[in-house]
C-alpha atoms as a PDB file:
ATOM      1  CA  MET A   1      11.635  18.958  -2.233  1.00  0.00           C
ATOM      2  CA  ARG A   2      13.000  18.886   1.318  1.00  0.00           C
ATOM      3  CA  THR A   3      12.717  15.213   2.126  1.00  0.00           C
ATOM      4  CA  VAL A   4      15.086  14.422   4.975  1.00  0.00           C
ATOM      5  CA  LYS A   5      12.811  11.659   6.181  1.00  0.00           C
ATOM      6  CA  LEU A   6      10.537   9.404   4.169  1.00  0.00           C
ATOM      7  CA  SER A   7       8.014   6.915   5.440  1.00  0.00           C
ATOM      8  CA  LEU A   8       7.774   3.603   3.607  1.00  0.00           C
ATOM      9  CA  PHE A   9       4.492   1.787   3.641  1.00  0.00           C
ATOM     10  CA  PHE A  10       4.532  -1.736   2.327  1.00  0.00           C
ATOM     11  CA  ILE A  11       0.878  -2.423   1.652  1.00  0.00           C
ATOM     12  CA  VAL A  12       0.461  -6.093   0.862  1.00  0.00           C
ATOM     13  CA  CYS A  13      -2.968  -6.856  -0.570  1.00  0.00           C
ATOM     14  CA  ALA A  14      -4.018 -10.092  -2.290  1.00  0.00           C
ATOM     15  CA  SER A  15      -7.224 -12.041  -2.946  1.00  0.00           C
ATOM     16  CA  PHE A  16      -7.272 -15.815  -3.071  1.00  0.00           C
ATOM     17  CA  LEU A  17      -9.721 -18.538  -3.909  1.00  0.00           C
ATOM     18  CA  LEU A  18      -9.132 -19.979  -0.420  1.00  0.00           C
ATOM     19  CA  LEU A  19     -10.283 -16.812   1.281  1.00  0.00           C
ATOM     20  CA  THR A  20     -12.868 -15.289  -1.004  1.00  0.00           C
ATOM     21  CA  GLY A  21     -14.283 -18.163  -3.026  1.00  0.00           C
ATOM     22  CA  CYS A  22     -13.484 -16.371  -6.261  1.00  0.00           C
ATOM     23  CA  GLY A  23     -10.725 -16.796  -8.810  1.00  0.00           C
ATOM     24  CA  GLU A  24      -8.604 -14.271 -10.656  1.00  0.00           C
ATOM     25  CA  GLN A  25     -11.271 -13.743 -13.320  1.00  0.00           C
ATOM     26  CA  ASP A  26     -13.753 -12.843 -10.573  1.00  0.00           C
ATOM     27  CA  LEU A  27     -11.241 -10.395  -9.125  1.00  0.00           C
ATOM     28  CA  ARG A  28     -10.756  -8.725 -12.487  1.00  0.00           C
ATOM     29  CA  MET A  29     -14.521  -8.403 -12.895  1.00  0.00           C
ATOM     30  CA  ARG A  30     -14.775  -6.979  -9.396  1.00  0.00           C
ATOM     31  CA  ASN A  31     -11.986  -4.505 -10.102  1.00  0.00           C
ATOM     32  CA  ALA A  32     -13.616  -3.445 -13.368  1.00  0.00           C
ATOM     33  CA  ALA A  33     -16.849  -2.711 -11.499  1.00  0.00           C
ATOM     34  CA  LEU A  34     -14.951  -0.887  -8.749  1.00  0.00           C
ATOM     35  CA  ASN A  35     -13.020   1.173 -11.275  1.00  0.00           C
ATOM     36  CA  LYS A  36     -16.234   2.186 -13.033  1.00  0.00           C
ATOM     37  CA  ARG A  37     -17.870   3.176  -9.763  1.00  0.00           C
ATOM     38  CA  LYS A  38     -14.710   5.034  -8.727  1.00  0.00           C
ATOM     39  CA  ALA A  39     -14.685   6.930 -12.040  1.00  0.00           C
ATOM     40  CA  ASP A  40     -18.350   7.860 -11.552  1.00  0.00           C
ATOM     41  CA  LEU A  41     -17.622   9.063  -8.025  1.00  0.00           C
ATOM     42  CA  GLU A  42     -14.656  11.105  -9.185  1.00  0.00           C
ATOM     43  CA  SER A  43     -16.860  12.769 -11.839  1.00  0.00           C
ATOM     44  CA  GLU A  44     -19.441  13.555  -9.156  1.00  0.00           C
ATOM     45  CA  LEU A  45     -16.680  14.946  -6.946  1.00  0.00           C
ATOM     46  CA  GLN A  46     -15.475  17.238  -9.721  1.00  0.00           C
ATOM     47  CA  ALA A  47     -19.015  18.560 -10.282  1.00  0.00           C
ATOM     48  CA  SER A  48     -19.477  19.100  -6.545  1.00  0.00           C
ATOM     49  CA  ARG A  49     -16.159  20.954  -6.291  1.00  0.00           C
ATOM     50  CA  LEU A  50     -17.230  23.276  -9.093  1.00  0.00           C
ATOM     51  CA  GLU A  51     -20.542  23.875  -7.314  1.00  0.00           C
ATOM     52  CA  LEU A  52     -18.668  24.576  -4.068  1.00  0.00           C
ATOM     53  CA  ALA A  53     -16.381  27.085  -5.782  1.00  0.00           C
ATOM     54  CA  GLN A  54     -19.392  28.851  -7.285  1.00  0.00           C
ATOM     55  CA  LEU A  55     -21.162  28.991  -3.908  1.00  0.00           C
ATOM     56  CA  LYS A  56     -18.073  30.485  -2.281  1.00  0.00           C
ATOM     57  CA  ARG A  57     -17.927  33.183  -4.959  1.00  0.00           C
ATOM     58  CA  GLN A  58     -21.603  33.930  -4.432  1.00  0.00           C
ATOM     59  CA  LEU A  59     -21.065  34.075  -0.671  1.00  0.00           C
ATOM     60  CA  SER A  60     -18.192  36.516  -1.076  1.00  0.00           C
ATOM     61  CA  GLU A  61     -20.334  38.743  -3.297  1.00  0.00           C
ATOM     62  CA  ALA A  62     -23.281  38.548  -0.888  1.00  0.00           C
ATOM     63  CA  GLN A  63     -21.060  39.512   2.045  1.00  0.00           C
ATOM     64  CA  GLN A  64     -19.706  42.506   0.148  1.00  0.00           C
ATOM     65  CA  LEU A  65     -23.159  43.654  -0.944  1.00  0.00           C
ATOM     66  CA  GLY A  66     -24.885  42.845   2.318  1.00  0.00           C
ATOM     67  CA  GLY A  67     -27.067  40.084   0.874  1.00  0.00           C
ATOM     68  CA  ILE A  68     -29.780  38.592   3.054  1.00  0.00           C
ATOM     69  CA  ASN A  69     -28.989  34.944   2.254  1.00  0.00           C
ATOM     70  CA  VAL A  70     -25.490  34.836   3.759  1.00  0.00           C
ATOM     71  CA  ASP A  71     -26.326  32.463   6.628  1.00  0.00           C
ATOM     72  CA  ALA A  72     -28.243  30.097   4.353  1.00  0.00           C
ATOM     73  CA  MET A  73     -25.356  30.046   1.889  1.00  0.00           C
ATOM     74  CA  LYS A  74     -22.860  29.327   4.659  1.00  0.00           C
ATOM     75  CA  GLN A  75     -24.942  26.362   5.788  1.00  0.00           C
ATOM     76  CA  LYS A  76     -25.118  25.053   2.233  1.00  0.00           C
ATOM     77  CA  ILE A  77     -21.353  25.401   1.831  1.00  0.00           C
ATOM     78  CA  ASP A  78     -20.716  23.574   5.127  1.00  0.00           C
ATOM     79  CA  ALA A  79     -23.023  20.739   4.073  1.00  0.00           C
ATOM     80  CA  LEU A  80     -21.379  20.447   0.661  1.00  0.00           C
ATOM     81  CA  GLU A  81     -17.881  20.392   2.172  1.00  0.00           C
ATOM     82  CA  ALA A  82     -18.918  17.594   4.542  1.00  0.00           C
ATOM     83  CA  HIS A  83     -20.393  15.691   1.598  1.00  0.00           C
ATOM     84  CA  LEU A  84     -17.169  16.110  -0.390  1.00  0.00           C
ATOM     85  CA  ALA A  85     -15.064  14.854   2.532  1.00  0.00           C
ATOM     86  CA  LYS A  86     -17.125  11.665   2.763  1.00  0.00           C
ATOM     87  CA  LYS A  87     -16.852  11.039  -0.984  1.00  0.00           C
ATOM     88  CA  ASP A  88     -13.102  11.675  -0.919  1.00  0.00           C
ATOM     89  CA  GLU A  89     -12.764   9.043   1.814  1.00  0.00           C
ATOM     90  CA  LEU A  90     -14.882   6.586  -0.178  1.00  0.00           C
ATOM     91  CA  VAL A  91     -12.794   7.078  -3.337  1.00  0.00           C
ATOM     92  CA  ALA A  92      -9.581   6.544  -1.325  1.00  0.00           C
ATOM     93  CA  ARG A  93     -10.933   3.242   0.028  1.00  0.00           C
ATOM     94  CA  MET A  94     -11.986   2.124  -3.445  1.00  0.00           C
ATOM     95  CA  ARG A  95      -8.495   2.814  -4.788  1.00  0.00           C
ATOM     96  CA  GLU A  96      -7.109   0.352  -2.242  1.00  0.00           C
ATOM     97  CA  GLN A  97      -9.845  -2.174  -2.985  1.00  0.00           C
ATOM     98  CA  CYS A  98      -8.992  -2.077  -6.683  1.00  0.00           C
ATOM     99  CA  LEU A  99      -5.560  -3.474  -5.770  1.00  0.00           C
ATOM    100  CA  GLY A 100      -6.892  -6.178  -3.490  1.00  0.00           C
ATOM    101  CA  GLY A 101      -7.531  -4.976   0.013  1.00  0.00           C
ATOM    102  CA  VAL A 102      -8.247  -8.287   1.784  1.00  0.00           C
ATOM    103  CA  ALA A 103      -6.405 -10.418   4.310  1.00  0.00           C
ATOM    104  CA  LEU A 104      -3.702 -12.747   3.041  1.00  0.00           C
ATOM    105  CA  PRO A 105      -3.782 -16.565   3.194  1.00  0.00           C
ATOM    106  CA  ALA A 106      -2.969 -18.003   6.606  1.00  0.00           C
ATOM    107  CA  GLU A 107       0.483 -19.362   5.694  1.00  0.00           C
ATOM    108  CA  LEU A 108       1.662 -16.120   4.156  1.00  0.00           C
ATOM    109  CA  SER A 109       0.129 -14.043   6.935  1.00  0.00           C
ATOM    110  CA  THR A 110       1.949 -16.107   9.561  1.00  0.00           C
ATOM    111  CA  MET A 111       5.283 -15.570   7.826  1.00  0.00           C
ATOM    112  CA  LEU A 112       4.677 -11.820   7.709  1.00  0.00           C
ATOM    113  CA  GLU A 113       3.719 -11.772  11.388  1.00  0.00           C
ATOM    114  CA  ASP A 114       6.981 -13.544  12.246  1.00  0.00           C
ATOM    115  CA  PHE A 115       8.889 -11.144   9.990  1.00  0.00           C
ATOM    116  CA  ALA A 116       7.360  -8.108  11.719  1.00  0.00           C
ATOM    117  CA  ALA A 117       8.095  -9.557  15.161  1.00  0.00           C
ATOM    118  CA  LYS A 118      11.806  -9.792  14.317  1.00  0.00           C
ATOM    119  CA  GLU A 119      12.084  -6.356  12.656  1.00  0.00           C
ATOM    120  CA  ASP A 120      11.950  -3.319  14.942  1.00  0.00           C
ATOM    121  CA  MET A 121      11.023  -1.089  12.018  1.00  0.00           C
ATOM    122  CA  VAL A 122       8.056  -3.189  10.865  1.00  0.00           C
ATOM    123  CA  THR A 123       4.438  -3.649  11.930  1.00  0.00           C
ATOM    124  CA  TYR A 124       1.937  -6.022  10.337  1.00  0.00           C
ATOM    125  CA  ASP A 125      -1.861  -5.984  10.506  1.00  0.00           C
ATOM    126  CA  PRO A 126      -3.189  -9.458   9.602  1.00  0.00           C
ATOM    127  CA  SER A 127      -6.776  -8.176   9.302  1.00  0.00           C
ATOM    128  CA  THR A 128      -5.857  -5.905   6.404  1.00  0.00           C
ATOM    129  CA  GLY A 129      -2.711  -7.542   5.040  1.00  0.00           C
ATOM    130  CA  ILE A 130      -0.670  -4.360   5.618  1.00  0.00           C
ATOM    131  CA  VAL A 131       3.035  -4.516   6.400  1.00  0.00           C
ATOM    132  CA  LYS A 132       4.267  -1.093   7.491  1.00  0.00           C
ATOM    133  CA  PHE A 133       7.880  -0.016   7.759  1.00  0.00           C
ATOM    134  CA  LYS A 134       7.992   2.487  10.629  1.00  0.00           C
ATOM    135  CA  SER A 135      11.438   3.922   9.883  1.00  0.00           C
ATOM    136  CA  ASP A 136      11.478   7.437   8.424  1.00  0.00           C
ATOM    137  CA  LEU A 137      15.037   7.017   7.213  1.00  0.00           C
ATOM    138  CA  LEU A 138      14.559   5.371   3.842  1.00  0.00           C
ATOM    139  CA  PHE A 139      15.947   8.029   1.509  1.00  0.00           C
ATOM    140  CA  LYS A 140      18.088  11.105   1.908  1.00  0.00           C
ATOM    141  CA  SER A 141      16.616  14.411   0.828  1.00  0.00           C
ATOM    142  CA  GLY A 142      16.028  14.483  -2.912  1.00  0.00           C
ATOM    143  CA  SER A 143      17.631  11.060  -3.359  1.00  0.00           C
ATOM    144  CA  ASP A 144      16.286   7.808  -4.761  1.00  0.00           C
ATOM    145  CA  ALA A 145      18.968   5.697  -3.049  1.00  0.00           C
ATOM    146  CA  VAL A 146      17.491   3.400  -0.402  1.00  0.00           C
ATOM    147  CA  LEU A 147      19.423   3.665   2.853  1.00  0.00           C
ATOM    148  CA  PRO A 148      21.160   0.538   4.237  1.00  0.00           C
ATOM    149  CA  ALA A 149      18.740  -0.326   7.072  1.00  0.00           C
ATOM    150  CA  ALA A 150      15.756  -0.179   4.719  1.00  0.00           C
ATOM    151  CA  THR A 151      17.647  -2.213   2.119  1.00  0.00           C
ATOM    152  CA  VAL A 152      18.186  -5.019   4.632  1.00  0.00           C
ATOM    153  CA  ALA A 153      14.508  -5.006   5.570  1.00  0.00           C
ATOM    154  CA  ILE A 154      13.363  -5.068   1.928  1.00  0.00           C
ATOM    155  CA  LYS A 155      15.656  -8.015   1.244  1.00  0.00           C
ATOM    156  CA  SER A 156      14.184  -9.824   4.229  1.00  0.00           C
ATOM    157  CA  LEU A 157      10.717  -9.240   2.809  1.00  0.00           C
ATOM    158  CA  CYS A 158      11.908 -10.664  -0.498  1.00  0.00           C
ATOM    159  CA  THR A 159      12.681 -13.985   1.143  1.00  0.00           C
ATOM    160  CA  ILE A 160       8.966 -14.207   1.921  1.00  0.00           C
ATOM    161  CA  LEU A 161       7.960 -13.042  -1.558  1.00  0.00           C
ATOM    162  CA  ASN A 162      10.071 -15.859  -3.006  1.00  0.00           C
ATOM    163  CA  THR A 163       8.327 -18.607  -1.025  1.00  0.00           C
ATOM    164  CA  LYS A 164       5.836 -20.941  -2.658  1.00  0.00           C
ATOM    165  CA  GLU A 165       3.013 -19.238  -0.733  1.00  0.00           C
ATOM    166  CA  ALA A 166       3.691 -15.929  -2.518  1.00  0.00           C
ATOM    167  CA  ALA A 167       5.532 -16.995  -5.668  1.00  0.00           C
ATOM    168  CA  GLU A 168       2.431 -16.989  -7.899  1.00  0.00           C
ATOM    169  CA  LEU A 169       1.556 -13.390  -7.030  1.00  0.00           C
ATOM    170  CA  ASP A 170       2.555 -10.148  -8.733  1.00  0.00           C
ATOM    171  CA  ILE A 171       4.008  -7.140  -6.936  1.00  0.00           C
ATOM    172  CA  ILE A 172       3.159  -3.478  -7.551  1.00  0.00           C
ATOM    173  CA  ILE A 173       5.547  -0.866  -6.128  1.00  0.00           C
ATOM    174  CA  ALA A 174       3.989   2.598  -5.837  1.00  0.00           C
ATOM    175  CA  GLY A 175       5.966   5.739  -5.007  1.00  0.00           C
ATOM    176  CA  HIS A 176       4.441   8.824  -3.382  1.00  0.00           C
ATOM    177  CA  THR A 177       5.785  12.227  -2.294  1.00  0.00           C
ATOM    178  CA  ASP A 178       4.424  15.166  -0.333  1.00  0.00           C
ATOM    179  CA  ASP A 179       3.592  18.444  -2.096  1.00  0.00           C
ATOM    180  CA  GLN A 180       6.891  20.207  -1.436  1.00  0.00           C
ATOM    181  CA  PRO A 181       8.523  21.252  -4.726  1.00  0.00           C
ATOM    182  CA  ILE A 182      11.884  19.762  -5.692  1.00  0.00           C
ATOM    183  CA  ARG A 183      14.665  22.085  -4.529  1.00  0.00           C
ATOM    184  CA  PHE A 184      17.759  19.943  -4.890  1.00  0.00           C
ATOM    185  CA  ALA A 185      18.881  17.251  -7.343  1.00  0.00           C
ATOM    186  CA  ARG A 186      16.485  18.613  -9.958  1.00  0.00           C
ATOM    187  CA  ALA A 187      18.791  17.371 -12.703  1.00  0.00           C
ATOM    188  CA  ASN A 188      17.991  13.813 -11.592  1.00  0.00           C
ATOM    189  CA  HIS A 189      14.423  14.341 -10.395  1.00  0.00           C
ATOM    190  CA  PRO A 190      12.849  17.371 -12.123  1.00  0.00           C
ATOM    191  CA  THR A 191       9.482  16.949 -10.398  1.00  0.00           C
ATOM    192  CA  ASN A 192       7.801  14.984  -7.635  1.00  0.00           C
ATOM    193  CA  TRP A 193       6.423  12.690 -10.339  1.00  0.00           C
ATOM    194  CA  HIS A 194       9.984  11.765 -11.318  1.00  0.00           C
ATOM    195  CA  LEU A 195      11.110  11.327  -7.712  1.00  0.00           C
ATOM    196  CA  SER A 196       8.183   9.051  -6.831  1.00  0.00           C
ATOM    197  CA  VAL A 197       8.839   6.804  -9.834  1.00  0.00           C
ATOM    198  CA  HIS A 198      12.614   6.762  -9.319  1.00  0.00           C
ATOM    199  CA  ARG A 199      12.198   5.715  -5.683  1.00  0.00           C
ATOM    200  CA  ALA A 200       9.789   2.950  -6.660  1.00  0.00           C
ATOM    201  CA  ILE A 201      12.331   1.759  -9.234  1.00  0.00           C
ATOM    202  CA  SER A 202      15.046   1.726  -6.555  1.00  0.00           C
ATOM    203  CA  VAL A 203      12.921  -0.621  -4.461  1.00  0.00           C
ATOM    204  CA  LEU A 204      12.229  -2.734  -7.551  1.00  0.00           C
ATOM    205  CA  ASN A 205      15.964  -3.015  -8.197  1.00  0.00           C
ATOM    206  CA  ILE A 206      16.552  -4.323  -4.671  1.00  0.00           C
ATOM    207  CA  MET A 207      13.802  -6.881  -5.137  1.00  0.00           C
ATOM    208  CA  SER A 208      15.139  -7.926  -8.515  1.00  0.00           C
ATOM    209  CA  SER A 209      18.634  -8.348  -7.082  1.00  0.00           C
ATOM    210  CA  SER A 210      17.049 -10.466  -4.345  1.00  0.00           C
ATOM    211  CA  LYS A 211      15.823 -12.929  -6.989  1.00  0.00           C
ATOM    212  CA  VAL A 212      12.206 -11.796  -7.166  1.00  0.00           C
ATOM    213  CA  GLU A 213      11.263 -12.482 -10.791  1.00  0.00           C
ATOM    214  CA  GLN A 214      11.127  -9.286 -12.824  1.00  0.00           C
ATOM    215  CA  LYS A 215       7.964 -10.407 -14.616  1.00  0.00           C
ATOM    216  CA  ARG A 216       6.189 -10.209 -11.250  1.00  0.00           C
ATOM    217  CA  LEU A 217       7.265  -6.611 -10.652  1.00  0.00           C
ATOM    218  CA  SER A 218       5.816  -3.295 -11.796  1.00  0.00           C
ATOM    219  CA  VAL A 219       6.130   0.305 -10.598  1.00  0.00           C
ATOM    220  CA  ARG A 220       3.820   3.277 -10.363  1.00  0.00           C
ATOM    221  CA  GLY A 221       4.557   6.870  -9.421  1.00  0.00           C
ATOM    222  CA  PHE A 222       1.854   9.141  -8.032  1.00  0.00           C
ATOM    223  CA  GLY A 223       3.913  12.186  -7.068  1.00  0.00           C
ATOM    224  CA  ASP A 224       1.909  14.226  -4.552  1.00  0.00           C
ATOM    225  CA  GLN A 225      -1.476  13.374  -6.067  1.00  0.00           C
ATOM    226  CA  ARG A 226      -2.558  10.738  -3.521  1.00  0.00           C
ATOM    227  CA  PRO A 227      -1.653  12.037  -0.053  1.00  0.00           C
ATOM    228  CA  PHE A 228      -2.180   9.653   2.848  1.00  0.00           C
ATOM    229  CA  VAL A 229      -3.010  12.609   5.116  1.00  0.00           C
ATOM    230  CA  PRO A 230      -3.435  16.329   4.301  1.00  0.00           C
ATOM    231  CA  ASN A 231      -0.206  18.189   3.591  1.00  0.00           C
ATOM    232  CA  ASP A 232       0.577  21.232   5.711  1.00  0.00           C
ATOM    233  CA  PRO A 233      -0.460  24.554   4.111  1.00  0.00           C
ATOM    234  CA  GLY A 234       2.004  26.450   1.964  1.00  0.00           C
ATOM    235  CA  LYS A 235       3.596  23.348   0.439  1.00  0.00           C
ATOM    236  CA  LYS A 236       5.168  22.363   3.736  1.00  0.00           C
ATOM    237  CA  GLY A 237       4.387  18.718   3.128  1.00  0.00           C
ATOM    238  CA  ASN A 238       3.826  15.884   5.589  1.00  0.00           C
ATOM    239  CA  PRO A 239       6.235  13.015   6.328  1.00  0.00           C
ATOM    240  CA  GLN A 240       3.433  10.424   6.146  1.00  0.00           C
ATOM    241  CA  ASN A 241       2.876  11.258   2.479  1.00  0.00           C
ATOM    242  CA  ARG A 242       6.474  10.498   1.543  1.00  0.00           C
ATOM    243  CA  ARG A 243       6.231   6.753   1.138  1.00  0.00           C
ATOM    244  CA  VAL A 244       6.557   3.716  -1.084  1.00  0.00           C
ATOM    245  CA  GLU A 245       3.767   1.158  -1.059  1.00  0.00           C
ATOM    246  CA  ILE A 246       4.025  -2.426  -2.204  1.00  0.00           C
ATOM    247  CA  TYR A 247       0.945  -4.394  -3.187  1.00  0.00           C
ATOM    248  CA  ILE A 248       0.947  -8.181  -3.629  1.00  0.00           C
ATOM    249  CA  VAL A 249      -1.806  -9.001  -6.080  1.00  0.00           C
ATOM    250  CA  PRO A 250      -3.065 -11.826  -8.330  1.00  0.00           C
ATOM    251  CA  LYS A 251      -1.261 -12.152 -11.656  1.00  0.00           C
ATOM    252  CA  GLY A 252      -2.247  -9.670 -14.309  1.00  0.00           C
ATOM    253  CA  MET A 253      -3.756  -7.090 -11.951  1.00  0.00           C
END
């Protein structure tokens, strides 16, 4: 995979009793319900995709044979594609909600705002609890080694994660790639799955060395399966999909 530049998204999402009026058990129950609904939606999406594929085959046959229902079939296909796009967007939102997806407590949010104000490569949205590292230069192509500027920024974030306001929260580090196949360093990263996990582990190692307790840390690798935006056709990828996301969540999530 040709990955000269990689965007890092630190997505910090946590739910608190102070903000939501519900405890960790309530959050787990909410997540269980969200996961069930998400699974149902994904099953519906799969059925709709099969229906869409069948309609496109029928349209192709009708066009070849001069069928009279071509326009009606095109309208049905357009409507189904629009329906699928809306459901895809809903499933993407539910995936974020299952990890938290609410604003952080005031004290923690203020610290992150101050952090973002001092770091040129960082933006923070207090309404969503998202800290975004703007720099594209996090990893060299095909490498899982975090570059120095990003390392400094991650360590600065760790000072916040080690405060009493965040110390009781767990941290999920999720790696993502675009859909470009691995071309170099395949001995170390045979697939995009491997590369996404290895990069998440590299971030974890920086956090661990910065005294964030290992029991709070976990990693996930999604390869190219959860793009942030559509990849360019022909496996040309998209820089926005090459990212690492960090979620701050209640314990046990």
